[in-house]
Protein backbone atom coordinates (compact mmCIF):
# COMPACT_ATOMS: atom_id res chain seq x y z
CA UNK A 1 82.38 77.36 109.30
CA UNK A 2 82.13 79.58 105.94
CA UNK A 3 78.30 80.90 106.76
CA UNK A 4 78.38 81.50 102.89
CA UNK A 5 78.75 77.83 101.88
CA UNK A 6 77.27 76.35 104.51
CA UNK A 7 73.85 77.97 103.95
CA UNK A 8 74.07 77.58 100.14
CA UNK A 9 74.18 73.60 100.81
CA UNK A 10 71.65 73.59 103.53
CA UNK A 11 69.37 75.50 101.89
CA UNK A 12 67.90 74.97 98.15
CA UNK A 13 68.15 77.37 94.98
CA UNK A 14 64.93 78.82 95.30
CA UNK A 15 65.33 79.58 99.42
CA UNK A 16 69.18 80.64 99.21
CA UNK A 17 67.98 83.77 96.36
CA UNK A 18 65.10 85.21 98.93
CA UNK A 19 66.87 85.04 101.81
CA UNK A 20 70.50 85.69 101.21
CA UNK A 21 71.98 88.20 98.88
CA UNK A 22 74.98 89.23 97.75
CA UNK A 23 75.69 92.94 96.97
CA UNK A 24 78.40 95.27 95.67
CA UNK A 25 79.50 98.70 97.48
CA UNK A 26 81.77 101.12 96.27
CA UNK A 27 84.39 103.02 98.02
CA UNK A 28 82.53 105.65 100.47
CA UNK A 29 79.41 104.08 99.35
CA UNK A 30 76.72 103.98 103.08
CA UNK A 31 75.80 100.38 103.94
CA UNK A 32 73.00 102.04 106.12
CA UNK A 33 72.11 105.07 108.19
CA UNK A 34 70.39 105.63 110.74
CA UNK A 35 67.77 106.42 111.54
CA UNK A 36 67.00 103.79 109.29
CA UNK A 37 66.95 99.95 111.30
CA UNK A 38 67.76 97.11 107.72
CA UNK A 39 65.89 94.50 108.08
CA UNK A 40 69.06 92.32 107.06
CA UNK A 41 72.14 91.25 109.08
CA UNK A 42 75.76 91.86 106.78
CA UNK A 43 78.52 89.86 107.05
CA UNK A 44 81.91 90.37 104.53
CA UNK A 45 83.00 88.44 101.69
CA UNK A 46 85.47 91.44 100.55
CA UNK A 47 87.09 94.94 101.73
CA UNK A 48 86.57 96.79 105.00
CA UNK A 49 83.62 98.26 106.49
CA UNK A 50 83.83 101.46 109.03
CA UNK A 51 81.36 100.67 111.54
CA UNK A 52 80.35 103.79 113.06
CA UNK A 53 77.16 106.78 114.80
CA UNK A 54 77.04 110.09 116.08
CA UNK A 55 77.41 112.85 118.14
CA UNK A 56 74.76 115.38 118.86
CA UNK A 57 75.15 117.53 116.61
CA UNK A 58 75.98 115.43 113.80
CA UNK A 59 79.62 114.12 114.08
CA UNK A 60 80.60 110.63 112.28
CA UNK A 61 81.82 108.83 115.09
CA UNK A 62 83.98 106.04 114.06
CA UNK A 63 84.36 102.49 116.45
CA UNK A 64 85.45 100.04 114.63
CA UNK A 65 87.01 98.03 111.18
CA UNK A 66 85.30 95.24 109.92
CA UNK A 67 86.65 92.94 107.42
CA UNK A 68 87.87 88.80 106.99
CA UNK A 69 84.25 87.62 107.49
CA UNK A 70 82.90 89.89 110.32
CA UNK A 71 79.00 89.70 110.43
CA UNK A 72 77.62 93.29 111.39
CA UNK A 73 73.77 94.35 111.49
CA UNK A 74 70.77 95.00 114.19
CA UNK A 75 69.14 92.52 115.49
CA UNK A 76 66.76 93.81 116.95
CA UNK A 77 67.40 93.98 120.20
CA UNK A 78 68.45 96.81 121.66
CA UNK A 79 64.88 98.39 122.05
CA UNK A 80 65.29 101.28 119.49
CA UNK A 81 68.13 101.72 121.06
CA UNK A 82 70.51 101.16 117.46
CA UNK A 83 72.15 104.08 116.11
CA UNK A 84 74.77 103.24 114.09
CA UNK A 85 76.15 103.31 110.47
CA UNK A 86 77.51 101.31 107.86
CA UNK A 87 80.15 102.96 105.73
CA UNK A 88 82.42 100.80 103.17
CA UNK A 89 85.79 102.36 103.27
CA UNK A 90 87.30 100.25 99.84
CA UNK A 91 84.39 98.44 97.21
CA UNK A 92 83.01 95.86 99.04
CA UNK A 93 81.12 92.89 98.52
CA UNK A 94 78.77 91.85 101.14
CA UNK A 95 76.24 89.01 102.20
CA UNK A 96 72.60 90.04 103.29
CA UNK A 97 71.47 87.43 105.28
CA UNK A 98 67.00 87.77 106.00
CA UNK A 99 66.69 88.81 109.60
CA UNK A 100 64.33 86.59 110.52
CA UNK A 101 65.49 83.64 109.20
CA UNK A 102 69.40 84.61 110.61
CA UNK A 103 68.45 85.09 113.97
CA UNK A 104 66.24 82.47 113.15
CA UNK A 105 69.45 79.81 112.28
CA UNK A 106 71.54 81.42 115.25
CA UNK A 107 68.74 79.57 117.17
CA UNK A 108 67.56 76.51 116.08
CA UNK A 109 70.90 75.33 114.03
CA UNK A 110 73.53 74.34 116.26
CA UNK A 111 76.07 75.00 113.87
CA UNK A 112 75.48 78.33 113.39
CA UNK A 113 74.73 78.79 117.15
CA UNK A 114 78.60 77.79 117.65
CA UNK A 115 79.55 79.88 115.09
CA UNK A 116 77.94 82.57 115.94
CA UNK A 117 78.98 82.59 119.17
CA UNK A 118 82.67 82.13 118.90
CA UNK A 119 81.80 85.66 116.46
CA UNK A 120 79.85 87.45 119.20
CA UNK A 121 82.53 87.18 121.56
CA UNK A 122 86.10 87.16 119.54
CA UNK A 123 83.77 90.72 118.67
CA UNK A 124 83.49 91.21 122.01
CA UNK A 125 86.45 91.07 123.16
CA UNK A 126 88.01 92.61 120.47
CA UNK A 127 86.30 96.20 121.78
CA UNK A 128 86.50 95.48 125.63
CA UNK A 129 90.51 95.04 125.31
CA UNK A 130 90.49 97.57 122.98
CA UNK A 131 88.48 99.26 126.63
CA UNK A 132 90.74 98.39 128.71
CA UNK A 133 94.09 99.66 126.20
CA UNK A 134 92.31 103.30 126.33
CA UNK A 135 91.62 102.85 130.47
CA UNK A 136 95.46 101.79 131.31
CA UNK A 137 97.91 102.50 128.40
CA UNK A 138 99.45 105.82 127.39
CA UNK A 139 98.62 108.06 124.35
CA UNK A 140 101.68 107.33 122.64
CA UNK A 141 100.86 103.37 123.77
CA UNK A 142 97.73 103.24 122.22
CA UNK A 143 98.20 104.37 119.11
CA UNK A 144 100.87 101.03 118.82
CA UNK A 145 98.03 99.26 120.20
CA UNK A 146 95.38 100.16 117.56
CA UNK A 147 98.53 99.87 114.74
CA UNK A 148 99.58 96.76 115.65
CA UNK A 149 95.51 95.74 115.86
CA UNK A 150 94.72 96.80 112.41
CA UNK A 151 97.83 95.46 110.76
CA UNK A 152 97.85 93.77 107.52
CA UNK A 153 96.29 93.62 104.55
CA UNK A 154 92.04 92.61 102.48
CA UNK A 155 91.88 92.70 98.89
CA UNK A 156 88.07 94.17 97.30
CA UNK A 157 85.82 92.42 94.57
CA UNK A 158 88.63 93.35 91.79
CA UNK A 159 91.69 91.16 93.93
CA UNK A 160 92.85 94.81 94.78
CA UNK A 161 95.82 94.74 98.15
CA UNK A 162 94.40 97.09 99.96
CA UNK A 163 97.11 97.90 103.76
CA UNK A 164 94.01 98.22 106.51
CA UNK A 165 96.31 101.09 108.19
CA UNK A 166 96.10 103.31 105.56
CA UNK A 167 92.38 103.47 105.27
CA UNK A 168 92.46 104.64 108.54
CA UNK A 169 92.47 108.80 109.85
CA UNK A 170 93.81 111.13 112.47
CA UNK A 171 89.86 111.11 113.41
CA UNK A 172 89.83 108.33 113.66
CA UNK A 173 92.94 107.06 115.17
CA UNK A 174 91.61 109.90 118.42
CA UNK A 175 87.86 108.17 118.52
CA UNK A 176 89.70 104.60 118.81
CA UNK A 177 92.07 105.50 121.51
CA UNK A 178 90.30 108.85 123.28
CA UNK A 179 93.11 110.80 121.79
CA UNK A 180 92.33 114.50 120.81
CA UNK A 181 93.65 115.39 116.89
CA UNK A 182 95.65 116.71 117.97
CA UNK A 183 97.69 115.18 120.48
CA UNK A 184 97.09 111.60 117.75
CA UNK A 185 99.19 114.57 114.97
CA UNK A 186 101.57 114.68 117.20
CA UNK A 187 102.29 111.88 118.47
CA UNK A 188 102.91 110.45 115.02
CA UNK A 189 105.48 113.49 114.10
CA UNK A 190 107.16 111.92 117.30
CA UNK A 191 106.98 108.78 115.93
CA UNK A 192 108.32 109.47 113.18
CA UNK A 193 111.18 111.45 114.39
CA UNK A 194 112.60 109.10 116.35
CA UNK A 195 110.94 105.16 114.14
CA UNK A 196 114.90 104.92 113.59
CA UNK A 197 116.12 105.08 116.84
CA UNK A 198 113.75 104.18 119.88
CA UNK A 199 110.58 102.24 119.10
CA UNK A 200 110.31 98.27 117.28
CA UNK A 201 106.98 98.06 116.97
CA UNK A 202 105.17 97.54 113.09
CA UNK A 203 103.62 101.25 113.21
CA UNK A 204 107.71 102.87 113.77
CA UNK A 205 108.22 102.31 110.08
CA UNK A 206 109.27 104.69 108.35
CA UNK A 207 106.32 104.76 106.28
CA UNK A 208 104.22 107.14 108.96
CA UNK A 209 106.49 109.74 106.78
CA UNK A 210 104.09 109.45 104.27
CA UNK A 211 101.29 111.36 106.15
CA UNK A 212 99.35 114.40 104.17
CA UNK A 213 98.20 117.34 105.40
CA UNK A 214 97.34 116.17 109.78
CA UNK A 215 94.88 114.03 107.60
CA UNK A 216 95.53 110.47 106.43
CA UNK A 217 98.14 107.62 107.51
CA UNK A 218 100.16 106.15 104.09
CA UNK A 219 101.35 103.29 104.94
């Protein structure tokens, strides 16, 4: 089920205008920052959003990239422990649902409830799988698994196509794999040197030669 079109069919035009907004965010713009607690839930229509939090020293920590109709935001079930930022990595078109309305629909509308349960379980499974890989795989295989997870392309609101891996910086890879930045840089260079000989996974292709300044992977 597509949530936004479904709700447009179920609600009057005035209700849609009151409870649901479409917003455009430019690349690099924050959708929200702590300690702000938005009164909306957000769904990506196009583009890629980085989700993360902050260390005690104020350093940004990335723990996921979202795209492809994924929903994010604060459902207010964590007793004030929500301390998350959301940042547009490309230009993004976002649907914003009034929080009270959204919570009511996921409880009282069977179709929306079923959609929400599936989406939540899929997101939960993705994060548990990534944690399992961090706990069990070698550093090199963690990087391979992350590259496989984010293989693919997305479009921004203007229809421009981006490879998701183009948006990853070495620091993002480090944080999402539990590997130091220095080790990630070293392993990526090793992958580049051996890509045409030993490796068969997708990230072994020559685009690894396009690493720039040990900072960003360009595919």
